[in-house]
Amino acid sequence: MAEATLHDGTRIDAQVHGDGPVLLLPVDPSPAEGPEAEAARQWGADPELGRSLIEGFAGFRVVAFDYQGHRMAHPADLTPDVLAADLLAVADAAGTERFSYYGYSWLALSGLQLALRTDRLDALVMGGYPPVDGPYAAMLAVTRATHEMALAGPAASESAAEPGDWDSVDVQLSTGQTKQFVTLYEALQDFDDRAVELSCPRLCFAGSEDRIEYSERWGGVTVDIAGPLLWERAELEARGWTVEVLDGLDHMSAMQAAAVLPVVRPWLEKVTS
């Protein structure tokens, strides 16, 4: 176990498992339980995802830490600089100078910002977020809509949310929790991901069906994750990325260990050997 002090003075625990090349893994190492676990299953998530990934990356020295959960408990003014500083603080606390990083969705975006701010990366893996043509404007619209719903408070609802139906979801987050992601995507509106130049080995992947069309309630935008990997594959490979598109999978299914490990593990073993 390692304890890191983050930019805002809060502390986060990181579990360290195994030996080998170091892999920084921002996942919750503790399985969800009870109603939280059941809700995760209904939405296609694995309440034991962190544990499954830790076990699946045996042969690496895995540094696992629940950064998302920490930020939901301790909201901050998230910016690209803050993300990078916090991730480096975890690496420092684990006593590692060099490491690989794998993040999914907004934590993949965080990995890209980290890679731009350090020369300590042996490899970068981005899952569920494209390294070029990222949906920064669309995500700002969604996070702003989420924040406005948090400001208004939960609406009265007589029925439970239907998995996959975002219009049936009542926002149960605090304004601090939602505002931090508005801050992040506001800070990224002028970010030109096509100007990024990296030297470390890097892999990106997404499900071929990773595309969500949000109603006006959520900003009326489409968040297309798969599209850039499909139509810019040749460009990405020319830039040095290994690109994998997982056929038939959406955002939730492509993050599961059974989908991630066959793609990421052999690639990491190859580039870090």
Protein backbone atom coordinates (compact mmCIF):
# COMPACT_ATOMS: atom_id res chain seq x y z
CA MET A 1 0.00 0.00 0.00
CA ALA A 2 1.16 3.51 -0.82
CA GLU A 3 -0.40 6.83 0.14
CA ALA A 4 -0.10 9.83 -2.17
CA THR A 5 -0.76 13.45 -1.31
CA LEU A 6 -2.53 15.11 -4.23
CA HIS A 7 -2.40 18.73 -5.40
CA ASP A 8 -5.21 19.82 -3.06
CA GLY A 9 -3.70 18.20 0.04
CA THR A 10 -6.09 15.25 0.03
CA ARG A 11 -4.59 11.77 0.28
CA ILE A 12 -5.34 8.70 -1.79
CA ASP A 13 -4.40 5.08 -1.15
CA ALA A 14 -2.85 3.01 -3.92
CA GLN A 15 -2.59 -0.75 -3.78
CA VAL A 16 0.62 -2.18 -5.21
CA HIS A 17 0.44 -5.72 -6.60
CA GLY A 18 3.04 -7.98 -8.16
CA ASP A 19 6.45 -7.49 -9.71
CA GLY A 20 7.62 -6.46 -13.16
CA PRO A 21 7.23 -3.36 -15.31
CA VAL A 22 5.15 -0.76 -13.45
CA LEU A 23 1.60 -0.09 -14.62
CA LEU A 24 -0.29 2.88 -13.19
CA LEU A 25 -3.94 1.79 -13.17
CA PRO A 26 -6.63 4.28 -12.03
CA VAL A 27 -9.33 1.78 -11.06
CA ASP A 28 -11.10 0.96 -7.81
CA PRO A 29 -9.26 -2.08 -6.43
CA SER A 30 -12.16 -2.84 -4.06
CA PRO A 31 -15.26 -4.51 -5.54
CA ALA A 32 -18.56 -2.68 -5.24
CA GLU A 33 -21.11 -4.33 -2.97
CA GLY A 34 -24.85 -4.36 -2.35
CA PRO A 35 -27.11 -1.95 -4.25
CA GLU A 36 -24.10 -0.25 -5.85
CA ALA A 37 -22.95 -3.56 -7.32
CA GLU A 38 -26.42 -4.43 -8.57
CA ALA A 39 -26.82 -1.02 -10.23
CA ALA A 40 -23.45 -1.47 -11.93
CA ARG A 41 -24.51 -4.85 -13.33
CA GLN A 42 -27.78 -3.42 -14.65
CA TRP A 43 -25.85 -0.81 -16.63
CA GLY A 44 -23.46 -3.39 -18.02
CA ALA A 45 -20.58 -2.57 -15.68
CA ASP A 46 -18.50 -5.03 -13.66
CA PRO A 47 -18.55 -4.25 -9.93
CA GLU A 48 -15.27 -6.17 -9.66
CA LEU A 49 -13.57 -4.54 -12.66
CA GLY A 50 -10.61 -3.21 -10.72
CA ARG A 51 -9.83 -6.56 -9.14
CA SER A 52 -10.27 -8.33 -12.50
CA LEU A 53 -7.80 -5.98 -14.17
CA ILE A 54 -5.28 -6.23 -11.35
CA GLU A 55 -5.36 -10.03 -11.56
CA GLY A 56 -5.28 -9.93 -15.36
CA PHE A 57 -2.13 -7.84 -15.38
CA ALA A 58 -0.17 -10.38 -13.31
CA GLY A 59 3.46 -10.10 -14.31
CA PHE A 60 3.36 -6.32 -13.96
CA ARG A 61 3.80 -4.26 -10.82
CA VAL A 62 0.31 -2.80 -10.78
CA VAL A 63 -0.31 0.43 -8.88
CA ALA A 64 -4.10 0.57 -8.56
CA PHE A 65 -5.90 3.61 -7.18
CA ASP A 66 -9.49 4.85 -7.38
CA TYR A 67 -8.89 8.36 -8.69
CA GLN A 68 -12.45 8.79 -9.94
CA GLY A 69 -13.90 7.70 -6.62
CA HIS A 70 -11.49 10.01 -4.81
CA ARG A 71 -12.54 12.99 -6.87
CA MET A 72 -16.20 12.23 -6.33
CA ALA A 73 -15.51 12.24 -2.58
CA HIS A 74 -13.17 15.24 -2.81
CA PRO A 75 -14.16 17.46 -5.75
CA ALA A 76 -11.45 19.74 -7.09
CA ASP A 77 -10.88 22.33 -9.78
CA LEU A 78 -9.84 19.79 -12.37
CA THR A 79 -7.51 21.05 -15.07
CA PRO A 80 -5.02 19.20 -17.29
CA ASP A 81 -2.15 20.37 -15.07
CA VAL A 82 -3.94 19.11 -11.96
CA LEU A 83 -4.61 15.70 -13.51
CA ALA A 84 -0.97 15.25 -14.46
CA ALA A 85 0.26 16.42 -11.06
CA ASP A 86 -2.04 14.03 -9.22
CA LEU A 87 -1.05 11.03 -11.34
CA LEU A 88 2.64 11.79 -10.89
CA ALA A 89 2.08 12.08 -7.13
CA VAL A 90 0.73 8.52 -7.12
CA ALA A 91 3.75 7.28 -9.08
CA ASP A 92 6.05 9.06 -6.65
CA ALA A 93 4.28 7.58 -3.63
CA ALA A 94 4.68 4.11 -5.14
CA GLY A 95 8.40 4.74 -5.44
CA THR A 96 8.55 4.37 -9.22
CA GLU A 97 10.43 6.65 -11.59
CA ARG A 98 9.23 5.06 -14.82
CA PHE A 99 5.85 3.49 -15.52
CA SER A 100 3.18 2.72 -18.09
CA TYR A 101 -0.34 4.11 -17.80
CA TYR A 102 -3.72 2.72 -18.80
CA GLY A 103 -6.90 4.75 -18.41
CA TYR A 104 -10.41 4.42 -19.81
CA SER A 105 -12.83 7.19 -20.86
CA TRP A 106 -12.00 10.49 -19.11
CA LEU A 107 -9.13 8.73 -17.38
CA ALA A 108 -7.72 7.97 -20.84
CA LEU A 109 -7.95 11.68 -21.60
CA SER A 110 -6.07 12.22 -18.33
CA GLY A 111 -3.33 9.89 -19.52
CA LEU A 112 -2.86 11.91 -22.69
CA GLN A 113 -2.47 15.09 -20.64
CA LEU A 114 -0.02 13.25 -18.39
CA ALA A 115 2.05 12.14 -21.38
CA LEU A 116 2.36 15.75 -22.51
CA ARG A 117 3.77 16.78 -19.13
CA THR A 118 6.30 14.09 -18.25
CA ASP A 119 9.10 12.07 -19.80
CA ARG A 120 8.63 9.23 -17.31
CA LEU A 121 6.14 7.18 -19.36
CA ASP A 122 7.25 3.83 -20.78
CA ALA A 123 3.89 3.37 -22.56
CA LEU A 124 0.43 4.95 -22.80
CA VAL A 125 -2.86 3.12 -23.30
CA MET A 126 -6.05 5.09 -24.00
CA GLY A 127 -9.29 3.15 -23.92
CA GLY A 128 -12.69 4.62 -24.71
CA TYR A 129 -11.41 8.05 -25.75
CA PRO A 130 -9.75 8.94 -29.08
CA PRO A 131 -6.31 10.61 -29.12
CA VAL A 132 -7.32 12.73 -32.13
CA ASP A 133 -10.62 14.47 -32.83
CA GLY A 134 -11.68 13.91 -29.23
CA PRO A 135 -15.27 14.97 -28.38
CA TYR A 136 -14.23 17.85 -26.15
CA ALA A 137 -17.03 20.22 -27.20
CA ALA A 138 -19.68 17.53 -26.92
CA MET A 139 -18.47 16.48 -23.50
CA LEU A 140 -18.55 20.09 -22.33
CA ALA A 141 -22.20 20.27 -23.37
CA VAL A 142 -23.03 17.04 -21.53
CA THR A 143 -21.17 18.04 -18.37
CA ARG A 144 -22.76 21.49 -18.37
CA ALA A 145 -26.21 19.91 -18.68
CA THR A 146 -25.37 17.52 -15.85
CA HIS A 147 -24.22 20.43 -13.69
CA GLU A 148 -27.41 22.36 -14.38
CA MET A 149 -29.46 19.34 -13.30
CA ALA A 150 -27.40 19.07 -10.13
CA LEU A 151 -28.05 22.75 -9.41
CA ALA A 152 -31.79 22.18 -9.86
CA GLY A 153 -31.81 19.16 -7.55
CA PRO A 154 -33.21 15.66 -8.19
CA ALA A 155 -36.54 15.55 -9.96
CA ALA A 156 -39.41 13.51 -8.58
CA SER A 157 -39.53 10.16 -10.37
CA GLU A 158 -41.98 7.30 -9.98
CA SER A 159 -39.94 4.75 -11.92
CA ALA A 160 -36.38 3.50 -11.83
CA ALA A 161 -33.93 4.48 -14.53
CA GLU A 162 -33.78 2.07 -17.45
CA PRO A 163 -30.24 0.92 -18.27
CA GLY A 164 -29.09 2.60 -21.47
CA ASP A 165 -31.87 5.22 -21.37
CA TRP A 166 -30.19 8.44 -20.26
CA ASP A 167 -33.48 10.37 -20.28
CA SER A 168 -34.74 8.20 -17.41
CA VAL A 169 -31.76 9.07 -15.20
CA ASP A 170 -32.06 11.53 -12.35
CA VAL A 171 -28.80 13.26 -11.47
CA GLN A 172 -27.93 12.40 -7.88
CA LEU A 173 -24.56 14.17 -7.87
CA SER A 174 -23.59 17.26 -5.91
CA THR A 175 -22.81 20.52 -7.66
CA GLY A 176 -19.17 20.17 -6.61
CA GLN A 177 -18.96 16.74 -8.23
CA THR A 178 -20.42 17.95 -11.51
CA LYS A 179 -18.69 21.34 -11.63
CA GLN A 180 -15.19 19.79 -11.60
CA PHE A 181 -15.85 18.08 -14.93
CA VAL A 182 -17.26 21.28 -16.43
CA THR A 183 -14.01 22.95 -15.36
CA LEU A 184 -11.98 20.18 -17.01
CA TYR A 185 -13.73 20.30 -20.37
CA GLU A 186 -13.75 24.11 -20.37
CA ALA A 187 -9.97 23.99 -19.93
CA LEU A 188 -9.72 21.60 -22.90
CA GLN A 189 -11.78 23.59 -25.42
CA ASP A 190 -8.67 25.07 -27.03
CA PHE A 191 -6.67 21.85 -26.82
CA ASP A 192 -5.49 20.76 -30.27
CA ASP A 193 -5.04 17.00 -30.06
CA ARG A 194 -3.77 16.92 -33.66
CA ALA A 195 -0.76 18.97 -32.59
CA VAL A 196 0.29 16.37 -30.00
CA GLU A 197 3.66 14.72 -30.54
CA LEU A 198 4.63 11.84 -28.27
CA SER A 199 7.59 9.49 -28.32
CA CYS A 200 6.56 6.67 -25.97
CA PRO A 201 4.80 3.56 -27.32
CA ARG A 202 1.05 4.10 -27.33
CA LEU A 203 -2.14 2.14 -27.91
CA CYS A 204 -5.72 3.34 -28.31
CA PHE A 205 -8.85 1.22 -28.48
CA ALA A 206 -12.62 1.54 -28.38
CA GLY A 207 -15.71 -0.50 -29.14
CA SER A 208 -17.03 -0.13 -32.68
CA GLU A 209 -20.44 0.86 -31.27
CA ASP A 210 -19.10 3.48 -28.84
CA ARG A 211 -21.32 6.37 -29.86
CA ILE A 212 -24.01 8.00 -27.70
CA GLU A 213 -26.63 10.40 -29.03
CA TYR A 214 -27.83 12.55 -26.15
CA SER A 215 -31.22 14.24 -26.08
CA GLU A 216 -31.68 17.96 -25.52
CA ARG A 217 -31.89 17.24 -21.79
CA TRP A 218 -28.20 16.32 -21.92
CA GLY A 219 -27.11 18.98 -24.37
CA GLY A 220 -28.44 17.52 -27.61
CA VAL A 221 -25.02 16.31 -28.77
CA THR A 222 -23.43 13.10 -30.01
CA VAL A 223 -20.36 11.78 -28.22
CA ASP A 224 -18.61 9.69 -30.84
CA ILE A 225 -15.68 7.70 -29.47
CA ALA A 226 -15.41 5.00 -32.14
CA GLY A 227 -15.67 7.33 -35.13
CA PRO A 228 -12.22 8.93 -34.94
CA LEU A 229 -10.56 5.53 -34.54
CA LEU A 230 -12.42 4.22 -37.58
CA TRP A 231 -12.02 7.11 -40.01
CA GLU A 232 -8.61 8.29 -38.80
CA ARG A 233 -7.00 4.89 -38.28
CA ALA A 234 -4.36 5.35 -40.98
CA GLU A 235 -3.52 8.83 -39.64
CA LEU A 236 -3.23 7.53 -36.08
CA GLU A 237 -0.98 4.66 -37.13
CA ALA A 238 1.17 7.08 -39.11
CA ARG A 239 1.54 9.09 -35.90
CA GLY A 240 2.80 6.02 -34.06
CA TRP A 241 -0.37 4.75 -32.42
CA THR A 242 -1.43 1.12 -32.35
CA VAL A 243 -5.18 1.18 -32.99
CA GLU A 244 -7.70 -1.50 -32.00
CA VAL A 245 -11.45 -1.35 -32.65
CA LEU A 246 -13.43 -3.98 -30.74
CA ASP A 247 -16.21 -5.20 -32.98
CA GLY A 248 -19.75 -4.88 -31.67
CA LEU A 249 -18.83 -3.40 -28.29
CA ASP A 250 -20.09 -0.11 -26.83
CA HIS A 251 -18.59 2.16 -24.19
CA MET A 252 -19.54 -0.05 -21.24
CA SER A 253 -18.73 -3.44 -22.76
CA ALA A 254 -15.36 -2.35 -24.16
CA MET A 255 -14.11 -1.44 -20.68
CA GLN A 256 -14.64 -4.92 -19.23
CA ALA A 257 -11.60 -7.01 -18.37
CA ALA A 258 -12.56 -9.72 -20.88
CA ALA A 259 -12.32 -7.13 -23.67
CA VAL A 260 -9.37 -5.11 -22.34
CA LEU A 261 -6.86 -7.76 -21.32
CA PRO A 262 -6.53 -9.64 -24.65
CA VAL A 263 -5.73 -6.33 -26.36
CA VAL A 264 -3.71 -4.43 -23.78
CA ARG A 265 -1.72 -7.09 -21.95
CA PRO A 266 0.20 -8.61 -24.91
CA TRP A 267 0.88 -5.14 -26.30
CA LEU A 268 2.26 -3.91 -22.97
CA GLU A 269 4.36 -7.05 -22.58
CA LYS A 270 5.85 -6.43 -26.02
CA VAL A 271 6.68 -2.75 -25.60
CA THR A 272 7.93 -2.98 -22.01
CA SER A 273 10.00 -6.16 -22.33
